[in-house]
């Protein structure tokens, strides 16, 4: 009977060994996948950054086109207000 006990203990130890190896195998596969994707990701990120820069430039141009008329009107109103205040108060320009 001691032989059966020893064999069962060996099988239980092997099962524990395999269960302990699974996380290490998954971690190794994840590290290998990151290593392989690093080269591809550099190319895709370069393309993505190029498009992001184009979007930023277009958004900047659009915001300037939208804001420019308001700035001109505000500037003209402030200039006119200042001139009228100086004239009505008798001050110098």
C-alpha atoms as a PDB file:
ATOM      1  CA  UNK A   1       0.000   0.000   0.000  1.00  0.00           C
ATOM      2  CA  UNK A   2       2.847   2.439   0.571  1.00  0.00           C
ATOM      3  CA  UNK A   3       3.635   2.307  -3.149  1.00  0.00           C
ATOM      4  CA  UNK A   4       0.126   3.498  -4.061  1.00  0.00           C
ATOM      5  CA  UNK A   5       0.456   6.320  -1.574  1.00  0.00           C
ATOM      6  CA  UNK A   6       3.767   7.410  -3.093  1.00  0.00           C
ATOM      7  CA  UNK A   7       2.393   7.257  -6.631  1.00  0.00           C
ATOM      8  CA  UNK A   8      -0.650   9.336  -5.613  1.00  0.00           C
ATOM      9  CA  UNK A   9       1.652  11.863  -3.957  1.00  0.00           C
ATOM     10  CA  UNK A  10       3.724  12.093  -7.148  1.00  0.00           C
ATOM     11  CA  UNK A  11       0.616  12.710  -9.269  1.00  0.00           C
ATOM     12  CA  UNK A  12      -0.646  15.376  -6.854  1.00  0.00           C
ATOM     13  CA  UNK A  13       2.773  17.064  -6.940  1.00  0.00           C
ATOM     14  CA  UNK A  14       2.755  17.044 -10.750  1.00  0.00           C
ATOM     15  CA  UNK A  15      -0.699  18.568 -10.777  1.00  0.00           C
ATOM     16  CA  UNK A  16       0.442  21.348  -8.428  1.00  0.00           C
ATOM     17  CA  UNK A  17       3.516  21.911 -10.615  1.00  0.00           C
ATOM     18  CA  UNK A  18       1.400  22.317 -13.755  1.00  0.00           C
ATOM     19  CA  UNK A  19      -1.040  24.613 -11.985  1.00  0.00           C
ATOM     20  CA  UNK A  20       1.888  26.724 -10.818  1.00  0.00           C
ATOM     21  CA  UNK A  21       3.381  26.880 -14.319  1.00  0.00           C
ATOM     22  CA  UNK A  22       0.221  28.232 -15.970  1.00  0.00           C
ATOM     23  CA  UNK A  23       0.617  31.828 -14.657  1.00  0.00           C
ATOM     24  CA  UNK A  24       4.278  31.849 -15.699  1.00  0.00           C
ATOM     25  CA  UNK A  25       3.396  30.606 -19.184  1.00  0.00           C
ATOM     26  CA  UNK A  26       0.696  33.255 -19.549  1.00  0.00           C
ATOM     27  CA  UNK A  27       3.083  35.964 -18.375  1.00  0.00           C
ATOM     28  CA  UNK A  28       5.725  34.751 -20.818  1.00  0.00           C
ATOM     29  CA  UNK A  29       3.222  34.738 -23.684  1.00  0.00           C
ATOM     30  CA  UNK A  30       2.154  38.273 -22.791  1.00  0.00           C
ATOM     31  CA  UNK A  31       5.766  39.474 -22.714  1.00  0.00           C
ATOM     32  CA  UNK A  32       6.500  37.812 -26.056  1.00  0.00           C
ATOM     33  CA  UNK A  33       3.369  39.359 -27.591  1.00  0.00           C
ATOM     34  CA  UNK A  34       4.389  42.817 -26.369  1.00  0.00           C
ATOM     35  CA  UNK A  35       7.861  42.296 -27.826  1.00  0.00           C
ATOM     36  CA  UNK A  36       6.469  41.279 -31.212  1.00  0.00           C
ATOM     37  CA  UNK A  37       3.891  44.073 -31.338  1.00  0.00           C
ATOM     38  CA  UNK A  38       6.380  46.775 -30.381  1.00  0.00           C
ATOM     39  CA  UNK A  39       7.717  47.070 -33.918  1.00  0.00           C
ATOM     40  CA  UNK A  40       4.246  47.203 -35.436  1.00  0.00           C
ATOM     41  CA  UNK A  41       3.014  49.688 -32.877  1.00  0.00           C
ATOM     42  CA  UNK A  42       5.812  52.123 -33.682  1.00  0.00           C
ATOM     43  CA  UNK A  43       4.663  52.273 -37.299  1.00  0.00           C
ATOM     44  CA  UNK A  44       0.976  52.585 -36.405  1.00  0.00           C
ATOM     45  CA  UNK A  45       1.678  55.220 -33.764  1.00  0.00           C
ATOM     46  CA  UNK A  46       3.722  57.236 -36.255  1.00  0.00           C
ATOM     47  CA  UNK A  47       0.792  57.182 -38.697  1.00  0.00           C
ATOM     48  CA  UNK A  48      -1.664  58.016 -35.912  1.00  0.00           C
ATOM     49  CA  UNK A  49       0.420  60.948 -34.716  1.00  0.00           C
ATOM     50  CA  UNK A  50       0.612  62.284 -38.270  1.00  0.00           C
ATOM     51  CA  UNK A  51      -3.184  62.255 -38.564  1.00  0.00           C
ATOM     52  CA  UNK A  52      -3.571  63.753 -35.086  1.00  0.00           C
ATOM     53  CA  UNK A  53      -1.275  66.619 -36.096  1.00  0.00           C
ATOM     54  CA  UNK A  54      -3.370  67.243 -39.213  1.00  0.00           C
ATOM     55  CA  UNK A  55      -6.538  67.321 -37.107  1.00  0.00           C
ATOM     56  CA  UNK A  56      -4.891  69.760 -34.679  1.00  0.00           C
ATOM     57  CA  UNK A  57      -3.862  72.087 -37.520  1.00  0.00           C
ATOM     58  CA  UNK A  58      -7.352  72.042 -39.069  1.00  0.00           C
ATOM     59  CA  UNK A  59      -8.999  72.670 -35.688  1.00  0.00           C
ATOM     60  CA  UNK A  60      -6.659  75.605 -35.063  1.00  0.00           C
ATOM     61  CA  UNK A  61      -7.448  77.128 -38.466  1.00  0.00           C
ATOM     62  CA  UNK A  62     -11.187  76.660 -37.947  1.00  0.00           C
ATOM     63  CA  UNK A  63     -11.145  78.207 -34.480  1.00  0.00           C
ATOM     64  CA  UNK A  64      -9.209  81.202 -35.794  1.00  0.00           C
ATOM     65  CA  UNK A  65     -11.740  81.669 -38.620  1.00  0.00           C
ATOM     66  CA  UNK A  66     -14.627  81.520 -36.171  1.00  0.00           C
ATOM     67  CA  UNK A  67     -13.091  83.832 -33.548  1.00  0.00           C
ATOM     68  CA  UNK A  68     -11.577  86.462 -35.857  1.00  0.00           C
ATOM     69  CA  UNK A  69     -14.840  88.354 -36.660  1.00  0.00           C
ATOM     70  CA  UNK A  70     -15.770  88.541 -32.984  1.00  0.00           C
ATOM     71  CA  UNK A  71     -12.337  89.872 -32.075  1.00  0.00           C
ATOM     72  CA  UNK A  72     -12.510  92.515 -34.810  1.00  0.00           C
ATOM     73  CA  UNK A  73     -15.983  93.675 -33.729  1.00  0.00           C
ATOM     74  CA  UNK A  74     -14.980  93.786 -30.074  1.00  0.00           C
ATOM     75  CA  UNK A  75     -11.815  95.663 -30.924  1.00  0.00           C
ATOM     76  CA  UNK A  76     -13.709  98.224 -33.027  1.00  0.00           C
ATOM     77  CA  UNK A  77     -16.349  98.743 -30.311  1.00  0.00           C
ATOM     78  CA  UNK A  78     -13.674  99.257 -27.651  1.00  0.00           C
ATOM     79  CA  UNK A  79     -11.804 101.720 -29.884  1.00  0.00           C
ATOM     80  CA  UNK A  80     -14.984 103.671 -30.597  1.00  0.00           C
ATOM     81  CA  UNK A  81     -15.957 103.666 -26.915  1.00  0.00           C
ATOM     82  CA  UNK A  82     -12.549 104.996 -25.920  1.00  0.00           C
ATOM     83  CA  UNK A  83     -12.612 107.729 -28.558  1.00  0.00           C
ATOM     84  CA  UNK A  84     -16.124 108.840 -27.558  1.00  0.00           C
ATOM     85  CA  UNK A  85     -15.237 108.834 -23.860  1.00  0.00           C
ATOM     86  CA  UNK A  86     -12.189 110.979 -24.520  1.00  0.00           C
ATOM     87  CA  UNK A  87     -14.169 113.409 -26.707  1.00  0.00           C
ATOM     88  CA  UNK A  88     -17.076 113.705 -24.281  1.00  0.00           C
ATOM     89  CA  UNK A  89     -14.808 114.167 -21.284  1.00  0.00           C
ATOM     90  CA  UNK A  90     -12.701 116.745 -23.083  1.00  0.00           C
ATOM     91  CA  UNK A  91      -9.565 114.725 -22.725  1.00  0.00           C
ATOM     92  CA  UNK A  92      -6.804 114.209 -25.223  1.00  0.00           C
ATOM     93  CA  UNK A  93      -6.602 111.257 -27.551  1.00  0.00           C
END
